[in-house]
Amino acid sequence: MKVVASEKAVLALAAVLVATLPSGGAAAPAVTTATGLLGSNHCTRSCGNISIPYPFGVEPGCYHAAWFNLTCDDSYQPPKLFLGDGTVQLLHISVENSTVRINSTAVQFQYDARTVFGAWGVANQTWGLGLPETGPYFLSESASMVEAIGCGIQVSIIGPYDNLVSSCSAICPFYRTSEDSVPVYWTSTNGSGSSCTGIGCCQASIALGYSFYTIQSDRIAPLSSLHGPISVHIVDQSYSNWNDKKNNPEVLLATLDWIISRSDSLVCPTNNKTTAPECVSTHSYCRDSSSLVHNGYTCQCAVGYQGNPYVQGGCQDIDECKYPHQYVCYGVCKNTPGSYICQCNTGYTGNVTVPNSCTDIDECKHKEAYSCYGTCQNFLGSFQCQCPEGTYGNSSIKGGCITIKNSFTGFSIGLGVGGGTGLLLLVLGGPYIIRIIKFQKLISHNTDIGQRMIITLRDLEKATDNFDRARIVGGGGHGVVFKGILDLHVVAIKKSKIIVQREIDDFINEVVVLSCWEEALRTPQQYDE
């Protein structure tokens, strides 16, 4: 769309903008609050395929201030969106980056150099008609450039106060044939589709962002060397389809920065307990404009949040774990409010930002760091720590493993005490068997388990998976109780600790008492009436 604006239209727009400014140059008050916006159902929030977030709006009461008013023209298919009165076409709005993208139409200089350049070979035109000079929009200083296509010209971009902000030159050298001199033009072929290095085309960054510029074209070659029209574009540096821009200048893209409020001295509040009144969302803050030539500020969501800081509840937590390519995590990711945690699986260590860098931790190389004061065995992602053979106790504390006095690993027996459906077996080391068999009658090995009093160590080890610690179900002062299975019977097997002689005697007494208790269950009792 070619930008056309009459003098009356520009003056009328300027008059409207001045009328919205209070005295002293301060920013105009908001037409509506963010809270009111969220409660309004009549606000148009899209035009064609373009979203319209607050502080922008179409209807009265739906935008922050006059210069955020937009026009949606549905006479086009699809409808087109325009800034203000409908002069500058709007292509995209970013609240997060405080930018808008517009259709930056080309500034054309005519083919006939003698009639355009005059005696001194200079011609001027203006870029930015339709953008309010006092409004919040300025050419992006970080994303913009000038591009000129033509021969024998120098193009200068001049801001307010005759401030030269950019310039570039393009020439078209000649090569001779037998009949004529032929100029070398810039095309998408000799320009490789992306280069524009001064042969028929030139580019230069624009360092200072204004809402309008004077574009001055100077002749730097004889009139006879000027061939074809001269076209000047102010566009994004990232826009590189030169052939399309030469043949169809209506698709040019330029980025404008915008600020929510501006004046000669207006910056964010310095009191940390307050923020700008426009930043109404929780987890939002005020940020001073980074422009080199304009004061003012915008609202931003805090780090770890995204959305619209100009509306209540507009800044929402980012779940970084859903975007592993953007928030790199090759471990276990856990989202937290405003942040996230990425770490290797338990038992592994490494750099979680590098693929396959999490490796197993050998805890046994640093046993004390992992509270192991016994025998350590490493596994993938874990380890096992237990008291060494000949000791017992808690291997996770220093000094927790106690040496068994007079310990042995020889033959053991089990003394069975049965009653009802349960069975208790008391296990004692071989050297002390003689002490036990003095008070009990030995039962044949072929007798039912509920009646047998002597069980071999092999049977006991088989019943308890070699006294596996996982089968421990309890313990007492003289021994540890294991759960076992003998001859399809679930039994409790108590193994003596065998520490000192006195405890051996106590353990034997325990066997005697339980044996008497078992015998009493089997023998009918008589009581006097």
Protein backbone atom coordinates (compact mmCIF):
# COMPACT_ATOMS: atom_id res chain seq x y z
CA MET A 1 0.00 0.00 0.00
CA LYS A 2 1.48 3.34 -1.01
CA VAL A 3 1.51 5.92 1.78
CA VAL A 4 -0.49 9.02 0.83
CA ALA A 5 -1.36 11.78 3.29
CA SER A 6 -2.69 15.23 2.55
CA GLU A 7 -1.52 18.28 4.46
CA LYS A 8 -4.97 18.68 6.00
CA ALA A 9 -4.99 15.06 7.15
CA VAL A 10 -1.59 15.41 8.84
CA LEU A 11 -2.59 18.65 10.55
CA ALA A 12 -5.86 17.14 11.70
CA LEU A 13 -4.06 14.15 13.20
CA ALA A 14 -1.56 16.41 14.93
CA ALA A 15 -4.42 18.47 16.35
CA VAL A 16 -6.07 15.36 17.76
CA LEU A 17 -2.80 14.25 19.40
CA VAL A 18 -2.16 17.66 20.95
CA ALA A 19 -5.69 17.72 22.32
CA THR A 20 -5.04 14.43 24.18
CA LEU A 21 -1.96 15.73 25.98
CA PRO A 22 -2.44 17.40 29.38
CA SER A 23 -0.55 20.56 30.19
CA GLY A 24 3.14 20.23 30.94
CA GLY A 25 3.78 17.65 28.25
CA ALA A 26 2.85 14.66 30.41
CA ALA A 27 1.36 11.57 28.85
CA ALA A 28 -2.36 11.45 28.22
CA PRO A 29 -4.39 9.52 30.81
CA ALA A 30 -5.60 6.08 29.85
CA VAL A 31 -9.00 5.95 28.23
CA THR A 32 -9.75 2.72 30.09
CA THR A 33 -8.07 0.60 32.70
CA ALA A 34 -6.83 -2.91 32.12
CA THR A 35 -9.41 -4.23 34.52
CA GLY A 36 -12.17 -2.54 32.59
CA LEU A 37 -10.74 -3.97 29.41
CA LEU A 38 -10.92 -7.54 30.65
CA GLY A 39 -14.53 -7.07 31.62
CA SER A 40 -15.49 -5.65 28.22
CA ASN A 41 -16.93 -7.97 25.62
CA HIS A 42 -17.34 -5.37 22.90
CA CYS A 43 -13.59 -4.81 22.26
CA THR A 44 -12.30 -6.07 18.94
CA ARG A 45 -9.24 -8.22 19.66
CA SER A 46 -8.29 -9.25 16.14
CA CYS A 47 -8.40 -7.89 12.60
CA GLY A 48 -7.90 -10.41 9.84
CA ASN A 49 -5.13 -12.64 11.13
CA ILE A 50 -3.58 -9.97 13.40
CA SER A 51 -4.17 -10.03 17.18
CA ILE A 52 -4.91 -6.73 18.93
CA PRO A 53 -3.71 -6.88 22.57
CA TYR A 54 -4.23 -4.08 25.11
CA PRO A 55 -3.02 -1.26 25.33
CA PHE A 56 -4.08 -1.21 21.65
CA GLY A 57 -7.71 -1.21 20.64
CA VAL A 58 -10.24 -0.25 17.99
CA GLU A 59 -13.33 0.98 19.82
CA PRO A 60 -13.37 3.87 22.31
CA GLY A 61 -12.71 2.58 25.81
CA CYS A 62 -10.67 -0.37 24.53
CA TYR A 63 -7.25 1.29 24.21
CA HIS A 64 -4.88 3.01 26.64
CA ALA A 65 -4.50 6.43 24.99
CA ALA A 66 -5.34 8.12 21.72
CA TRP A 67 -2.19 7.06 19.88
CA PHE A 68 -2.94 3.37 20.60
CA ASN A 69 -6.18 3.62 18.66
CA LEU A 70 -6.30 1.37 15.58
CA THR A 71 -8.53 1.11 12.51
CA CYS A 72 -9.67 -2.25 11.14
CA ASP A 73 -10.67 -1.81 7.51
CA ASP A 74 -12.93 -4.69 6.49
CA SER A 75 -13.27 -3.40 2.94
CA TYR A 76 -10.17 -5.51 2.26
CA GLN A 77 -10.27 -9.28 2.16
CA PRO A 78 -8.90 -10.25 4.56
CA PRO A 79 -9.39 -7.06 6.62
CA LYS A 80 -6.34 -4.84 7.10
CA LEU A 81 -5.26 -3.12 10.31
CA PHE A 82 -3.97 0.47 10.39
CA LEU A 83 -2.48 2.80 12.97
CA GLY A 84 -4.65 5.73 14.00
CA ASP A 85 -6.69 7.16 11.14
CA GLY A 86 -5.87 4.39 8.69
CA THR A 87 -2.75 5.67 6.90
CA VAL A 88 0.02 3.29 8.06
CA GLN A 89 -0.70 -0.43 7.67
CA LEU A 90 0.02 -2.50 10.76
CA LEU A 91 1.28 -6.06 10.26
CA HIS A 92 2.09 -7.29 13.79
CA ILE A 93 1.96 -6.15 17.43
CA SER A 94 4.33 -7.42 20.13
CA VAL A 95 3.59 -6.41 23.72
CA GLU A 96 6.54 -8.45 24.98
CA ASN A 97 9.07 -6.60 22.79
CA SER A 98 7.17 -3.28 22.71
CA THR A 99 7.27 -3.23 18.91
CA VAL A 100 4.94 -3.08 15.94
CA ARG A 101 5.72 -4.05 12.36
CA ILE A 102 4.42 -1.82 9.59
CA ASN A 103 4.32 -1.83 5.82
CA SER A 104 7.16 0.55 4.98
CA THR A 105 6.45 1.76 1.47
CA ALA A 106 9.29 2.78 -0.78
CA VAL A 107 10.25 6.37 -1.47
CA GLN A 108 10.60 6.72 -5.25
CA PHE A 109 12.66 9.25 -7.24
CA GLN A 110 11.68 9.71 -10.85
CA TYR A 111 13.49 8.35 -13.89
CA ASP A 112 14.30 11.74 -15.46
CA ALA A 113 17.28 12.97 -13.46
CA ARG A 114 17.30 16.44 -15.09
CA THR A 115 13.78 17.23 -13.87
CA VAL A 116 14.17 15.70 -10.43
CA PHE A 117 17.66 16.59 -9.29
CA GLY A 118 17.73 20.13 -10.59
CA ALA A 119 20.85 22.20 -11.09
CA TRP A 120 22.64 20.79 -8.06
CA GLY A 121 21.51 17.19 -8.55
CA VAL A 122 19.73 16.98 -5.16
CA ALA A 123 16.21 15.73 -4.41
CA ASN A 124 14.38 15.38 -1.07
CA GLN A 125 11.38 13.36 0.07
CA THR A 126 9.92 12.39 3.45
CA TRP A 127 9.51 8.96 5.03
CA GLY A 128 7.05 8.51 7.90
CA LEU A 129 3.97 10.41 6.76
CA GLY A 130 1.07 9.17 8.88
CA LEU A 131 3.16 8.51 12.01
CA PRO A 132 2.40 11.04 14.79
CA GLU A 133 5.47 13.11 15.61
CA THR A 134 4.44 13.36 19.27
CA GLY A 135 3.19 9.81 19.51
CA PRO A 136 4.85 6.74 20.98
CA TYR A 137 6.21 5.19 17.74
CA PHE A 138 9.84 5.43 16.61
CA LEU A 139 11.89 3.49 14.11
CA SER A 140 13.68 0.65 15.88
CA GLU A 141 17.32 1.57 16.45
CA SER A 142 18.43 -2.05 16.74
CA ALA A 143 16.64 -3.52 13.71
CA SER A 144 16.52 -0.92 10.93
CA MET A 145 18.48 -0.01 7.83
CA VAL A 146 18.22 2.08 4.68
CA GLU A 147 18.50 0.45 1.28
CA ALA A 148 18.82 2.35 -1.99
CA ILE A 149 18.54 0.87 -5.47
CA GLY A 150 19.86 3.03 -8.33
CA CYS A 151 22.95 4.22 -10.16
CA GLY A 152 25.34 7.07 -9.39
CA ILE A 153 23.59 8.22 -6.20
CA GLN A 154 24.31 8.93 -2.57
CA VAL A 155 21.31 8.59 -0.24
CA SER A 156 21.30 10.35 3.15
CA ILE A 157 18.81 9.78 5.98
CA ILE A 158 18.30 12.99 7.93
CA GLY A 159 16.45 13.22 11.23
CA PRO A 160 15.11 16.24 13.11
CA TYR A 161 17.42 19.23 13.50
CA ASP A 162 19.19 18.25 10.23
CA ASN A 163 20.80 15.31 12.04
CA LEU A 164 22.45 12.93 9.55
CA VAL A 165 21.78 9.42 10.89
CA SER A 166 22.71 7.19 7.91
CA SER A 167 24.08 7.31 4.37
CA CYS A 168 25.12 4.97 1.54
CA SER A 169 26.20 5.23 -2.14
CA ALA A 170 25.46 3.10 -5.21
CA ILE A 171 27.23 3.19 -8.57
CA CYS A 172 26.83 1.37 -11.87
CA PRO A 173 30.19 1.08 -13.65
CA PHE A 174 30.29 0.70 -17.46
CA TYR A 175 31.96 -1.87 -19.62
CA ARG A 176 32.50 -1.20 -23.36
CA THR A 177 31.29 -3.25 -26.28
CA SER A 178 32.00 -2.73 -29.96
CA GLU A 179 28.93 -0.57 -30.27
CA ASP A 180 28.14 0.99 -26.88
CA SER A 181 28.87 1.36 -23.19
CA VAL A 182 26.77 -0.97 -20.99
CA PRO A 183 26.19 -0.24 -17.27
CA VAL A 184 26.38 -2.98 -14.63
CA TYR A 185 23.06 -3.01 -12.83
CA TRP A 186 22.24 -4.64 -9.52
CA THR A 187 19.96 -7.69 -9.88
CA SER A 188 19.06 -10.63 -7.70
CA THR A 189 21.44 -12.70 -9.87
CA ASN A 190 24.63 -10.66 -9.62
CA GLY A 191 23.65 -9.78 -6.07
CA SER A 192 23.34 -13.49 -5.16
CA GLY A 193 19.83 -12.77 -3.91
CA SER A 194 21.06 -11.19 -0.68
CA SER A 195 24.14 -8.99 -1.15
CA CYS A 196 23.81 -5.26 -1.69
CA THR A 197 27.34 -3.92 -1.63
CA GLY A 198 27.28 -0.69 -3.64
CA ILE A 199 26.93 -1.88 -7.24
CA GLY A 200 23.49 -0.64 -8.17
CA CYS A 201 22.39 -1.10 -4.56
CA CYS A 202 23.62 0.03 -1.14
CA GLN A 203 22.64 -0.46 2.52
CA ALA A 204 23.46 1.16 5.87
CA SER A 205 22.22 0.83 9.44
CA ILE A 206 20.10 3.58 10.98
CA ALA A 207 21.48 4.40 14.42
CA LEU A 208 18.85 6.83 15.74
CA GLY A 209 15.14 6.10 15.71
CA TYR A 210 12.66 8.84 14.83
CA SER A 211 9.08 8.84 13.64
CA PHE A 212 9.97 10.52 10.34
CA TYR A 213 13.07 11.25 8.19
CA THR A 214 14.04 13.41 5.26
CA ILE A 215 15.51 11.24 2.52
CA GLN A 216 18.03 13.17 0.41
CA SER A 217 19.36 11.76 -2.85
CA ASP A 218 22.50 13.33 -4.35
CA ARG A 219 23.88 12.73 -7.85
CA ILE A 220 27.48 11.51 -7.69
CA ALA A 221 27.88 10.56 -11.38
CA PRO A 222 27.32 12.33 -14.73
CA LEU A 223 23.70 12.58 -15.80
CA SER A 224 24.43 10.27 -18.70
CA SER A 225 25.22 7.47 -16.25
CA LEU A 226 21.87 7.67 -14.45
CA HIS A 227 19.63 4.91 -15.68
CA GLY A 228 16.20 3.97 -14.38
CA PRO A 229 14.29 5.12 -11.27
CA ILE A 230 15.79 5.39 -7.79
CA SER A 231 14.03 3.58 -4.97
CA VAL A 232 14.83 4.07 -1.27
CA HIS A 233 13.54 1.70 1.42
CA ILE A 234 13.64 1.95 5.21
CA VAL A 235 13.26 -1.66 6.31
CA ASP A 236 14.24 -4.34 8.82
CA GLN A 237 17.82 -5.53 8.65
CA SER A 238 16.50 -9.11 8.65
CA TYR A 239 14.42 -8.57 5.53
CA SER A 240 16.61 -9.89 2.71
CA ASN A 241 14.38 -10.70 -0.26
CA TRP A 242 15.88 -7.99 -2.43
CA ASN A 243 14.23 -9.05 -5.66
CA ASP A 244 10.76 -8.89 -4.10
CA LYS A 245 11.51 -5.45 -2.62
CA LYS A 246 12.62 -4.14 -6.02
CA ASN A 247 9.60 -5.45 -7.90
CA ASN A 248 6.94 -5.15 -5.18
CA PRO A 249 7.77 -2.42 -2.66
CA GLU A 250 4.36 -2.75 -0.99
CA VAL A 251 5.57 -5.81 0.96
CA LEU A 252 8.44 -4.03 2.76
CA LEU A 253 8.67 -4.57 6.51
CA ALA A 254 9.87 -2.06 9.10
CA THR A 255 9.86 -2.31 12.90
CA LEU A 256 8.79 0.52 15.18
CA ASP A 257 9.51 0.63 18.90
CA TRP A 258 6.80 2.07 21.12
CA ILE A 259 6.62 3.30 24.69
CA ILE A 260 3.60 3.37 26.96
CA SER A 261 4.31 6.90 28.21
CA ARG A 262 6.80 9.62 27.29
CA SER A 263 7.93 13.15 28.14
CA ASP A 264 11.23 14.98 28.38
CA SER A 265 11.85 13.73 31.91
CA LEU A 266 9.51 10.76 32.39
CA VAL A 267 11.26 7.59 33.54
CA CYS A 268 10.28 4.66 35.76
CA PRO A 269 9.61 5.45 39.44
CA THR A 270 12.79 5.16 41.52
CA ASN A 271 10.99 3.90 44.64
CA ASN A 272 11.37 0.12 44.64
CA LYS A 273 8.09 -0.23 46.49
CA THR A 274 6.12 1.24 43.59
CA THR A 275 5.91 0.76 39.87
CA ALA A 276 4.44 2.59 36.92
CA PRO A 277 0.63 2.80 37.06
CA GLU A 278 0.34 1.14 33.66
CA CYS A 279 2.09 -2.05 34.90
CA VAL A 280 -0.97 -3.57 36.56
CA SER A 281 -0.17 -7.30 36.40
CA THR A 282 1.57 -9.11 39.21
CA HIS A 283 5.10 -10.22 38.28
CA SER A 284 5.51 -7.13 36.08
CA TYR A 285 7.87 -4.16 36.30
CA CYS A 286 8.63 -0.83 34.66
CA ARG A 287 11.59 -0.55 32.26
CA ASP A 288 13.09 2.69 30.99
CA SER A 289 13.25 3.12 27.24
CA SER A 290 16.59 2.10 25.71
CA SER A 291 16.23 4.69 22.94
CA LEU A 292 19.14 7.08 22.48
CA VAL A 293 16.87 10.02 21.66
CA HIS A 294 13.57 9.43 23.48
CA ASN A 295 12.61 9.28 27.16
CA GLY A 296 9.77 7.13 28.43
CA TYR A 297 9.17 3.60 29.65
CA THR A 298 7.37 0.34 28.97
CA CYS A 299 6.04 -2.47 31.16
CA GLN A 300 7.59 -5.93 31.12
CA CYS A 301 6.80 -9.29 32.67
CA ALA A 302 9.39 -10.44 35.19
CA VAL A 303 11.99 -13.05 34.24
CA GLY A 304 10.33 -16.46 34.07
CA TYR A 305 6.95 -14.98 33.17
CA GLN A 306 5.34 -14.05 29.88
CA GLY A 307 2.17 -12.36 28.70
CA ASN A 308 0.66 -8.91 28.92
CA PRO A 309 1.84 -6.73 31.84
CA TYR A 310 -0.80 -4.09 31.06
CA VAL A 311 -3.75 -6.25 32.20
CA GLN A 312 -4.54 -7.87 35.54
CA GLY A 313 -3.07 -11.36 35.72
CA GLY A 314 -1.50 -10.92 32.31
CA CYS A 315 1.99 -12.17 33.28
CA GLN A 316 1.88 -15.97 33.54
CA ASP A 317 4.59 -18.37 34.63
CA ILE A 318 6.60 -19.95 31.82
CA ASP A 319 6.75 -23.75 32.11
CA GLU A 320 10.32 -24.00 30.88
CA CYS A 321 10.14 -27.81 30.97
CA LYS A 322 7.76 -27.72 27.99
CA TYR A 323 10.38 -25.96 25.87
CA PRO A 324 13.59 -28.04 26.25
CA HIS A 325 15.13 -26.59 23.08
CA GLN A 326 14.77 -23.05 24.39
CA TYR A 327 15.50 -23.85 28.04
CA VAL A 328 18.06 -26.60 27.56
CA CYS A 329 17.71 -29.49 30.00
CA TYR A 330 19.01 -33.02 29.41
CA GLY A 331 18.19 -34.17 32.92
CA VAL A 332 15.10 -34.20 35.11
CA CYS A 333 13.25 -30.87 34.69
CA LYS A 334 10.98 -29.42 37.38
CA ASN A 335 9.08 -26.19 36.82
CA THR A 336 9.02 -23.61 39.62
CA PRO A 337 7.26 -20.21 39.80
CA GLY A 338 9.33 -17.90 37.62
CA SER A 339 12.08 -20.44 37.07
CA TYR A 340 12.87 -24.16 36.77
CA ILE A 341 15.24 -26.78 38.16
CA CYS A 342 17.18 -29.13 35.90
CA GLN A 343 19.32 -31.85 37.45
CA CYS A 344 20.57 -35.36 36.80
CA ASN A 345 18.62 -38.34 38.11
CA THR A 346 19.30 -39.38 41.70
CA GLY A 347 22.64 -41.15 41.85
CA TYR A 348 23.98 -39.40 38.75
CA THR A 349 26.00 -36.24 38.17
CA GLY A 350 27.08 -34.13 35.20
CA ASN A 351 26.32 -31.09 33.04
CA VAL A 352 22.58 -31.19 32.33
CA THR A 353 22.97 -28.73 29.44
CA VAL A 354 25.01 -31.30 27.46
CA PRO A 355 23.40 -34.46 26.04
CA ASN A 356 24.34 -37.77 27.75
CA SER A 357 26.57 -36.03 30.29
CA CYS A 358 24.87 -37.43 33.42
CA THR A 359 27.04 -40.31 34.69
CA ASP A 360 26.69 -42.67 37.63
CA ILE A 361 28.10 -41.52 40.97
CA ASP A 362 30.37 -44.14 42.55
CA GLU A 363 29.33 -43.44 46.14
CA CYS A 364 31.75 -46.08 47.38
CA LYS A 365 34.72 -43.88 46.41
CA HIS A 366 33.54 -41.30 48.91
CA LYS A 367 31.72 -43.46 51.43
CA GLU A 368 31.65 -40.99 54.28
CA ALA A 369 30.13 -38.31 52.04
CA TYR A 370 27.21 -40.70 51.54
CA SER A 371 27.07 -41.85 55.20
CA CYS A 372 28.47 -45.31 54.65
CA TYR A 373 30.75 -46.63 57.38
CA GLY A 374 30.56 -50.29 56.41
CA THR A 375 31.03 -52.43 53.33
CA CYS A 376 29.96 -50.49 50.21
CA GLN A 377 28.81 -51.85 46.85
CA ASN A 378 28.07 -49.47 43.97
CA PHE A 379 25.12 -49.87 41.56
CA LEU A 380 23.90 -47.72 38.65
CA GLY A 381 22.20 -44.77 40.29
CA SER A 382 22.52 -46.23 43.79
CA PHE A 383 24.71 -48.16 46.24
CA GLN A 384 24.42 -50.63 49.13
CA CYS A 385 26.09 -50.21 52.50
CA GLN A 386 26.08 -52.84 55.25
CA CYS A 387 28.12 -53.79 58.28
CA PRO A 388 31.12 -56.02 57.52
CA GLU A 389 31.03 -59.75 58.34
CA GLY A 390 31.53 -60.31 62.02
CA THR A 391 29.79 -57.06 62.97
CA TYR A 392 26.24 -55.82 63.32
CA GLY A 393 24.47 -52.51 63.76
CA ASN A 394 23.83 -49.32 61.74
CA SER A 395 26.32 -48.86 58.90
CA SER A 396 25.06 -45.34 58.12
CA ILE A 397 26.58 -43.80 61.27
CA LYS A 398 30.20 -43.65 62.28
CA GLY A 399 30.96 -46.39 64.79
CA GLY A 400 27.54 -47.92 64.16
CA CYS A 401 28.92 -51.37 63.27
CA ILE A 402 29.77 -53.31 66.48
CA THR A 403 32.15 -56.26 66.49
CA ILE A 404 30.56 -59.52 67.63
CA LYS A 405 32.64 -61.01 70.46
CA ASN A 406 33.37 -64.75 70.22
CA SER A 407 31.67 -64.68 66.85
CA PHE A 408 31.67 -67.71 64.59
CA THR A 409 30.20 -68.93 61.35
CA GLY A 410 29.96 -72.63 62.09
CA PHE A 411 27.07 -75.01 62.61
CA SER A 412 23.81 -73.70 64.11
CA ILE A 413 20.61 -75.33 65.23
CA GLY A 414 17.05 -74.15 65.54
CA LEU A 415 14.87 -74.91 68.51
CA GLY A 416 11.22 -74.92 67.53
CA VAL A 417 8.45 -73.80 69.83
CA GLY A 418 5.00 -74.37 68.30
CA GLY A 419 1.56 -73.29 69.33
CA GLY A 420 -1.55 -72.98 67.16
CA THR A 421 -0.61 -72.13 63.56
CA GLY A 422 2.57 -70.21 64.40
CA LEU A 423 6.09 -71.42 65.10
CA LEU A 424 9.06 -69.70 66.72
CA LEU A 425 12.56 -71.00 66.04
CA LEU A 426 15.47 -69.93 68.21
CA VAL A 427 18.87 -70.23 66.56
CA LEU A 428 22.10 -70.67 68.51
CA GLY A 429 25.69 -71.27 67.48
CA GLY A 430 27.15 -74.78 67.41
CA PRO A 431 29.52 -74.56 70.44
CA TYR A 432 26.54 -74.03 72.75
CA ILE A 433 24.25 -76.81 71.53
CA ILE A 434 25.15 -79.01 74.45
CA ARG A 435 23.69 -76.41 76.79
CA ILE A 436 20.31 -76.64 75.08
CA ILE A 437 19.78 -80.33 74.49
CA LYS A 438 20.06 -80.96 78.27
CA PHE A 439 16.53 -79.69 78.79
CA GLN A 440 14.71 -80.80 75.65
CA LYS A 441 13.81 -84.10 74.10
CA LEU A 442 15.18 -84.39 70.53
CA ILE A 443 12.56 -85.10 67.93
CA SER A 444 13.17 -87.13 64.76
CA HIS A 445 13.99 -85.14 61.58
CA ASN A 446 11.02 -86.81 59.92
CA THR A 447 8.61 -85.38 62.46
CA ASP A 448 6.28 -82.53 61.44
CA ILE A 449 7.89 -79.11 61.66
CA GLY A 450 5.47 -78.12 64.38
CA GLN A 451 6.92 -80.88 66.62
CA ARG A 452 10.56 -80.88 65.57
CA MET A 453 13.07 -79.28 67.96
CA ILE A 454 16.29 -79.61 65.91
CA ILE A 455 16.61 -77.99 62.46
CA THR A 456 19.85 -77.87 60.54
CA LEU A 457 21.63 -74.64 59.65
CA ARG A 458 21.16 -75.47 55.98
CA ASP A 459 17.38 -75.62 56.46
CA LEU A 460 17.42 -72.30 58.34
CA GLU A 461 19.52 -70.57 55.68
CA LYS A 462 17.22 -71.86 52.97
CA ALA A 463 14.14 -70.71 54.88
CA THR A 464 15.51 -67.16 55.28
CA ASP A 465 17.48 -66.75 52.04
CA ASN A 466 20.70 -67.01 54.04
CA PHE A 467 19.36 -64.69 56.74
CA ASP A 468 18.63 -61.93 54.25
CA ARG A 469 18.28 -58.57 56.02
CA ALA A 470 15.19 -57.91 53.94
CA ARG A 471 13.47 -60.69 55.93
CA ILE A 472 14.06 -59.05 59.35
CA VAL A 473 10.72 -58.45 61.05
CA GLY A 474 11.89 -57.45 64.52
CA GLY A 475 14.40 -58.01 67.27
CA GLY A 476 15.00 -58.00 70.97
CA GLY A 477 17.70 -57.77 73.52
CA HIS A 478 19.20 -61.15 72.66
CA GLY A 479 18.62 -61.60 68.97
CA VAL A 480 17.10 -60.61 65.60
CA VAL A 481 13.84 -62.14 64.29
CA PHE A 482 13.62 -63.25 60.64
CA LYS A 483 10.57 -64.35 58.66
CA GLY A 484 11.07 -67.76 57.00
CA ILE A 485 9.26 -70.66 55.36
CA LEU A 486 9.87 -74.26 56.46
CA ASP A 487 7.90 -77.19 55.04
CA LEU A 488 5.25 -74.73 53.76
CA HIS A 489 4.93 -73.19 57.23
CA VAL A 490 5.51 -69.47 57.83
CA VAL A 491 7.84 -69.31 60.81
CA ALA A 492 9.63 -66.69 62.89
CA ILE A 493 13.32 -67.47 63.38
CA LYS A 494 15.18 -65.69 66.17
CA LYS A 495 18.96 -65.65 65.78
CA SER A 496 21.12 -65.00 68.82
CA LYS A 497 23.59 -62.13 68.70
CA ILE A 498 26.05 -64.18 70.85
CA ILE A 499 27.94 -61.29 72.35
CA VAL A 500 28.85 -62.29 75.92
CA GLN A 501 28.43 -65.42 78.01
CA ARG A 502 25.72 -63.90 80.21
CA GLU A 503 23.56 -63.16 77.16
CA ILE A 504 24.02 -66.74 75.97
CA ASP A 505 22.57 -67.96 79.27
CA ASP A 506 19.67 -65.50 78.94
CA PHE A 507 19.00 -66.69 75.42
CA ILE A 508 18.90 -70.30 76.60
CA ASN A 509 16.52 -69.35 79.42
CA GLU A 510 14.28 -67.72 76.81
CA VAL A 511 14.21 -71.03 74.92
CA VAL A 512 13.29 -72.88 78.12
CA VAL A 513 10.46 -70.49 78.97
CA LEU A 514 9.00 -70.63 75.46
CA SER A 515 9.32 -74.41 75.44
CA CYS A 516 7.40 -74.63 78.72
CA TRP A 517 4.78 -72.25 77.32
CA GLU A 518 4.46 -74.41 74.22
CA GLU A 519 4.16 -77.57 76.31
CA ALA A 520 1.44 -75.96 78.40
CA LEU A 521 -0.57 -75.30 75.26
CA ARG A 522 -0.39 -78.95 74.31
CA THR A 523 -1.27 -80.38 77.84
CA PRO A 524 -4.83 -80.05 79.23
CA GLN A 525 -4.85 -78.13 82.53
CA GLN A 526 -6.96 -78.85 85.61
CA TYR A 527 -8.20 -76.17 87.93
CA ASP A 528 -9.90 -76.41 91.33
CA GLU A 529 -13.39 -75.10 91.45
